Amino acid sequence: MSSFASRLVPVAVASILCGIALAGGDKGDHMKMMDADSDGKVTAAEHADGAKKMFGKMDADKNGRVTAAEMDAAHPMMKHHKDHDQASARSDDKAHGDKAHGGKMMSSSEKIATMDANSDGQLTAEEHAAGAKKMFTKMDRDSDGTLTAQELREGHRSMMSANE
């Protein structure tokens, strides 16, 4: 995998995970949704379970694959989140001197393409799980096998503002 693609996989997964997690709530909802035992940390297993649930929500026809159309259909409930992310990206751009995807959100097709191992234009549960695992590893800065709320926040911010 190219360096460019390896940086986009976590961005795409973070966008998917955080987008669904934040639909209808505040930033703390992502942590609450992932932290199944409410111990203040998200384990790799909790993160994987959250990713699996989100994939299930996006897979409207339950065929084990998510298309861009299905991802788009899952995202209208997150319009305020998309607006928030665009404003956040602009704010982060100013603070960090970076341009997160040119100041705009990735399309569903772009998100899928970053994780689509067989390039068929669809995201399988396995491809989504692999992307989520990579994202968890990158966000676990102290390599303790768990993510704190701060690691989740900083990891998402870092991935969303990564230079291409």
C-alpha atoms as a PDB file:
ATOM      1  CA  MET A   1       0.000   0.000   0.000  1.00  0.00           C
ATOM      2  CA  SER A   2       1.311   3.409  -0.883  1.00  0.00           C
ATOM      3  CA  SER A   3       2.185   5.935   1.792  1.00  0.00           C
ATOM      4  CA  PHE A   4      -0.665   8.157   0.621  1.00  0.00           C
ATOM      5  CA  ALA A   5      -3.186   5.322   0.854  1.00  0.00           C
ATOM      6  CA  SER A   6      -1.850   4.173   4.222  1.00  0.00           C
ATOM      7  CA  ARG A   7      -2.552   7.646   5.614  1.00  0.00           C
ATOM      8  CA  LEU A   8      -6.044   7.791   4.124  1.00  0.00           C
ATOM      9  CA  VAL A   9      -7.279   4.466   5.538  1.00  0.00           C
ATOM     10  CA  PRO A  10      -7.392   5.761   9.107  1.00  0.00           C
ATOM     11  CA  VAL A  11      -8.924   9.018   7.933  1.00  0.00           C
ATOM     12  CA  ALA A  12     -11.697   7.188   6.153  1.00  0.00           C
ATOM     13  CA  VAL A  13     -12.411   4.881   9.071  1.00  0.00           C
ATOM     14  CA  ALA A  14     -12.301   7.776  11.518  1.00  0.00           C
ATOM     15  CA  SER A  15     -14.756   9.688   9.366  1.00  0.00           C
ATOM     16  CA  ILE A  16     -17.128   6.747   9.246  1.00  0.00           C
ATOM     17  CA  LEU A  17     -16.831   5.851  12.918  1.00  0.00           C
ATOM     18  CA  CYS A  18     -16.994   9.385  14.255  1.00  0.00           C
ATOM     19  CA  GLY A  19     -19.710  10.420  11.845  1.00  0.00           C
ATOM     20  CA  ILE A  20     -22.106   7.736  12.949  1.00  0.00           C
ATOM     21  CA  ALA A  21     -21.096   7.982  16.592  1.00  0.00           C
ATOM     22  CA  LEU A  22     -21.668  11.717  16.702  1.00  0.00           C
ATOM     23  CA  ALA A  23     -25.003  11.696  14.904  1.00  0.00           C
ATOM     24  CA  GLY A  24     -27.460  13.347  17.206  1.00  0.00           C
ATOM     25  CA  GLY A  25     -25.017  14.021  20.022  1.00  0.00           C
ATOM     26  CA  ASP A  26     -21.950  15.771  21.306  1.00  0.00           C
ATOM     27  CA  LYS A  27     -18.281  14.788  21.116  1.00  0.00           C
ATOM     28  CA  GLY A  28     -18.608  12.641  24.255  1.00  0.00           C
ATOM     29  CA  ASP A  29     -20.998  10.314  22.432  1.00  0.00           C
ATOM     30  CA  HIS A  30     -18.141   8.740  20.480  1.00  0.00           C
ATOM     31  CA  MET A  31     -16.449   7.681  23.685  1.00  0.00           C
ATOM     32  CA  LYS A  32     -19.745   6.580  25.243  1.00  0.00           C
ATOM     33  CA  MET A  33     -20.671   4.535  22.189  1.00  0.00           C
ATOM     34  CA  MET A  34     -17.313   2.763  22.035  1.00  0.00           C
ATOM     35  CA  ASP A  35     -16.636   2.366  25.777  1.00  0.00           C
ATOM     36  CA  ALA A  36     -18.970  -0.585  26.396  1.00  0.00           C
ATOM     37  CA  ASP A  37     -17.968  -1.123  30.040  1.00  0.00           C
ATOM     38  CA  SER A  38     -17.834   2.622  30.845  1.00  0.00           C
ATOM     39  CA  ASP A  39     -14.356   2.404  32.349  1.00  0.00           C
ATOM     40  CA  GLY A  40     -13.130   5.527  30.556  1.00  0.00           C
ATOM     41  CA  LYS A  41     -11.024   3.591  28.044  1.00  0.00           C
ATOM     42  CA  VAL A  42     -11.767   1.907  24.734  1.00  0.00           C
ATOM     43  CA  THR A  43     -10.052  -1.438  24.232  1.00  0.00           C
ATOM     44  CA  ALA A  44      -9.223  -2.864  20.827  1.00  0.00           C
ATOM     45  CA  ALA A  45     -12.126  -5.300  21.245  1.00  0.00           C
ATOM     46  CA  GLU A  46     -14.559  -2.482  22.126  1.00  0.00           C
ATOM     47  CA  HIS A  47     -13.320  -0.463  19.156  1.00  0.00           C
ATOM     48  CA  ALA A  48     -13.714  -3.449  16.827  1.00  0.00           C
ATOM     49  CA  ASP A  49     -17.213  -4.115  18.179  1.00  0.00           C
ATOM     50  CA  GLY A  50     -18.187  -0.472  17.633  1.00  0.00           C
ATOM     51  CA  ALA A  51     -16.856  -0.607  14.074  1.00  0.00           C
ATOM     52  CA  LYS A  52     -18.813  -3.808  13.436  1.00  0.00           C
ATOM     53  CA  LYS A  53     -22.039  -2.218  14.698  1.00  0.00           C
ATOM     54  CA  MET A  54     -21.480   0.824  12.515  1.00  0.00           C
ATOM     55  CA  PHE A  55     -20.864  -1.345   9.470  1.00  0.00           C
ATOM     56  CA  GLY A  56     -24.153  -3.114  10.196  1.00  0.00           C
ATOM     57  CA  LYS A  57     -25.984   0.219  10.331  1.00  0.00           C
ATOM     58  CA  MET A  58     -24.553   1.257   6.966  1.00  0.00           C
ATOM     59  CA  ASP A  59     -25.233  -2.119   5.266  1.00  0.00           C
ATOM     60  CA  ALA A  60     -28.886  -1.345   4.540  1.00  0.00           C
ATOM     61  CA  ASP A  61     -29.551  -4.375   2.340  1.00  0.00           C
ATOM     62  CA  LYS A  62     -27.637  -6.703   4.698  1.00  0.00           C
ATOM     63  CA  ASN A  63     -25.579  -8.251   1.903  1.00  0.00           C
ATOM     64  CA  GLY A  64     -22.261  -7.873   3.747  1.00  0.00           C
ATOM     65  CA  ARG A  65     -21.094  -4.986   1.555  1.00  0.00           C
ATOM     66  CA  VAL A  66     -21.437  -1.226   1.848  1.00  0.00           C
ATOM     67  CA  THR A  67     -21.670   0.893  -1.269  1.00  0.00           C
ATOM     68  CA  ALA A  68     -21.204   4.635  -1.491  1.00  0.00           C
ATOM     69  CA  ALA A  69     -24.978   4.967  -1.863  1.00  0.00           C
ATOM     70  CA  GLU A  70     -25.552   3.032   1.373  1.00  0.00           C
ATOM     71  CA  MET A  71     -22.927   5.102   3.166  1.00  0.00           C
ATOM     72  CA  ASP A  72     -24.542   8.289   1.869  1.00  0.00           C
ATOM     73  CA  ALA A  73     -27.954   7.041   3.020  1.00  0.00           C
ATOM     74  CA  ALA A  74     -26.555   6.424   6.521  1.00  0.00           C
ATOM     75  CA  HIS A  75     -25.056   9.911   6.656  1.00  0.00           C
ATOM     76  CA  PRO A  76     -28.066  12.255   6.164  1.00  0.00           C
ATOM     77  CA  MET A  77     -28.854  11.800   9.833  1.00  0.00           C
ATOM     78  CA  MET A  78     -25.409  13.278  10.430  1.00  0.00           C
ATOM     79  CA  LYS A  79     -25.745  16.535   8.488  1.00  0.00           C
ATOM     80  CA  HIS A  80     -24.897  18.592  11.554  1.00  0.00           C
ATOM     81  CA  HIS A  81     -21.832  16.388  12.097  1.00  0.00           C
ATOM     82  CA  LYS A  82     -20.615  16.983   8.542  1.00  0.00           C
ATOM     83  CA  ASP A  83     -21.069  20.718   9.000  1.00  0.00           C
ATOM     84  CA  HIS A  84     -19.232  20.468  12.345  1.00  0.00           C
ATOM     85  CA  ASP A  85     -16.355  18.498  10.771  1.00  0.00           C
ATOM     86  CA  GLN A  86     -15.972  21.020   7.954  1.00  0.00           C
ATOM     87  CA  ALA A  87     -15.874  23.885  10.442  1.00  0.00           C
ATOM     88  CA  SER A  88     -13.513  21.881  12.639  1.00  0.00           C
ATOM     89  CA  ALA A  89     -11.234  21.117   9.692  1.00  0.00           C
ATOM     90  CA  ARG A  90     -11.102  24.822   8.791  1.00  0.00           C
ATOM     91  CA  SER A  91     -10.306  25.675  12.413  1.00  0.00           C
ATOM     92  CA  ASP A  92      -7.649  22.944  12.610  1.00  0.00           C
ATOM     93  CA  ASP A  93      -6.214  24.097   9.263  1.00  0.00           C
ATOM     94  CA  LYS A  94      -5.669  27.550  10.689  1.00  0.00           C
ATOM     95  CA  ALA A  95      -4.224  26.235  13.939  1.00  0.00           C
ATOM     96  CA  HIS A  96      -1.969  23.638  12.322  1.00  0.00           C
ATOM     97  CA  GLY A  97      -1.261  25.227   8.946  1.00  0.00           C
ATOM     98  CA  ASP A  98      -2.615  22.125   7.177  1.00  0.00           C
ATOM     99  CA  LYS A  99      -5.339  21.584   4.625  1.00  0.00           C
ATOM    100  CA  ALA A 100      -7.498  18.589   5.511  1.00  0.00           C
ATOM    101  CA  HIS A 101      -8.505  17.236   2.108  1.00  0.00           C
ATOM    102  CA  GLY A 102      -8.564  20.743   0.704  1.00  0.00           C
ATOM    103  CA  GLY A 103     -10.858  21.891   3.514  1.00  0.00           C
ATOM    104  CA  LYS A 104     -13.672  19.517   2.535  1.00  0.00           C
ATOM    105  CA  MET A 105     -14.941  16.189   3.746  1.00  0.00           C
ATOM    106  CA  MET A 106     -14.110  13.022   1.855  1.00  0.00           C
ATOM    107  CA  SER A 107     -16.977  11.637  -0.214  1.00  0.00           C
ATOM    108  CA  SER A 108     -18.331   8.197   0.602  1.00  0.00           C
ATOM    109  CA  SER A 109     -16.693   6.872  -2.572  1.00  0.00           C
ATOM    110  CA  GLU A 110     -13.332   8.279  -1.453  1.00  0.00           C
ATOM    111  CA  LYS A 111     -13.723   6.748   2.014  1.00  0.00           C
ATOM    112  CA  ILE A 112     -14.530   3.363   0.514  1.00  0.00           C
ATOM    113  CA  ALA A 113     -11.636   3.569  -1.952  1.00  0.00           C
ATOM    114  CA  THR A 114      -9.133   4.042   0.879  1.00  0.00           C
ATOM    115  CA  MET A 115     -10.139   0.743   2.494  1.00  0.00           C
ATOM    116  CA  ASP A 116     -11.295  -1.233  -0.570  1.00  0.00           C
ATOM    117  CA  ALA A 117      -8.593  -3.906  -0.763  1.00  0.00           C
ATOM    118  CA  ASN A 118      -9.968  -5.555  -3.914  1.00  0.00           C
ATOM    119  CA  SER A 119     -10.950  -2.256  -5.624  1.00  0.00           C
ATOM    120  CA  ASP A 120     -14.510  -3.366  -6.378  1.00  0.00           C
ATOM    121  CA  GLY A 121     -16.046  -0.097  -5.201  1.00  0.00           C
ATOM    122  CA  GLN A 122     -17.702  -1.743  -2.211  1.00  0.00           C
ATOM    123  CA  LEU A 123     -16.572  -2.107   1.370  1.00  0.00           C
ATOM    124  CA  THR A 124     -16.815  -5.542   2.967  1.00  0.00           C
ATOM    125  CA  ALA A 125     -17.066  -6.087   6.700  1.00  0.00           C
ATOM    126  CA  GLU A 126     -13.527  -7.500   6.603  1.00  0.00           C
ATOM    127  CA  GLU A 127     -12.133  -4.463   4.797  1.00  0.00           C
ATOM    128  CA  HIS A 128     -13.903  -2.144   7.231  1.00  0.00           C
ATOM    129  CA  ALA A 129     -12.617  -4.133  10.234  1.00  0.00           C
ATOM    130  CA  ALA A 130      -9.042  -4.016   8.894  1.00  0.00           C
ATOM    131  CA  GLY A 131      -9.286  -0.234   8.471  1.00  0.00           C
ATOM    132  CA  ALA A 132     -10.674   0.153  11.992  1.00  0.00           C
ATOM    133  CA  LYS A 133      -7.827  -1.952  13.395  1.00  0.00           C
ATOM    134  CA  LYS A 134      -5.232   0.245  11.665  1.00  0.00           C
ATOM    135  CA  MET A 135      -6.954   3.341  12.996  1.00  0.00           C
ATOM    136  CA  PHE A 136      -6.957   1.980  16.563  1.00  0.00           C
ATOM    137  CA  THR A 137      -3.229   1.208  16.381  1.00  0.00           C
ATOM    138  CA  LYS A 138      -2.397   4.702  15.107  1.00  0.00           C
ATOM    139  CA  MET A 139      -4.526   6.394  17.750  1.00  0.00           C
ATOM    140  CA  ASP A 140      -3.078   4.330  20.632  1.00  0.00           C
ATOM    141  CA  ARG A 141      -0.143   6.715  21.089  1.00  0.00           C
ATOM    142  CA  ASP A 142       1.126   5.138  24.309  1.00  0.00           C
ATOM    143  CA  SER A 143       0.700   1.570  22.959  1.00  0.00           C
ATOM    144  CA  ASP A 144      -1.129   0.438  26.092  1.00  0.00           C
ATOM    145  CA  GLY A 145      -3.869  -1.348  24.128  1.00  0.00           C
ATOM    146  CA  THR A 146      -6.562   1.173  25.066  1.00  0.00           C
ATOM    147  CA  LEU A 147      -7.756   4.562  23.879  1.00  0.00           C
ATOM    148  CA  THR A 148      -8.639   7.359  26.245  1.00  0.00           C
ATOM    149  CA  ALA A 149     -11.085  10.096  25.283  1.00  0.00           C
ATOM    150  CA  GLN A 150      -8.071  12.326  24.656  1.00  0.00           C
ATOM    151  CA  GLU A 151      -6.420   9.766  22.342  1.00  0.00           C
ATOM    152  CA  LEU A 152      -9.694   9.435  20.425  1.00  0.00           C
ATOM    153  CA  ARG A 153     -10.009  13.217  20.061  1.00  0.00           C
ATOM    154  CA  GLU A 154      -6.374  13.809  19.171  1.00  0.00           C
ATOM    155  CA  GLY A 155      -6.203  10.792  16.869  1.00  0.00           C
ATOM    156  CA  HIS A 156      -9.241  11.890  14.932  1.00  0.00           C
ATOM    157  CA  ARG A 157      -7.993  15.481  14.728  1.00  0.00           C
ATOM    158  CA  SER A 158      -4.547  14.313  13.584  1.00  0.00           C
ATOM    159  CA  MET A 159      -5.948  12.004  10.922  1.00  0.00           C
ATOM    160  CA  MET A 160      -8.387  14.600   9.659  1.00  0.00           C
ATOM    161  CA  SER A 161      -5.634  17.207   9.258  1.00  0.00           C
ATOM    162  CA  ALA A 162      -2.893  14.921   7.896  1.00  0.00           C
ATOM    163  CA  ASN A 163      -1.129  16.296   4.858  1.00  0.00           C
ATOM    164  CA  GLU A 164      -1.643  14.251   1.734  1.00  0.00           C
END
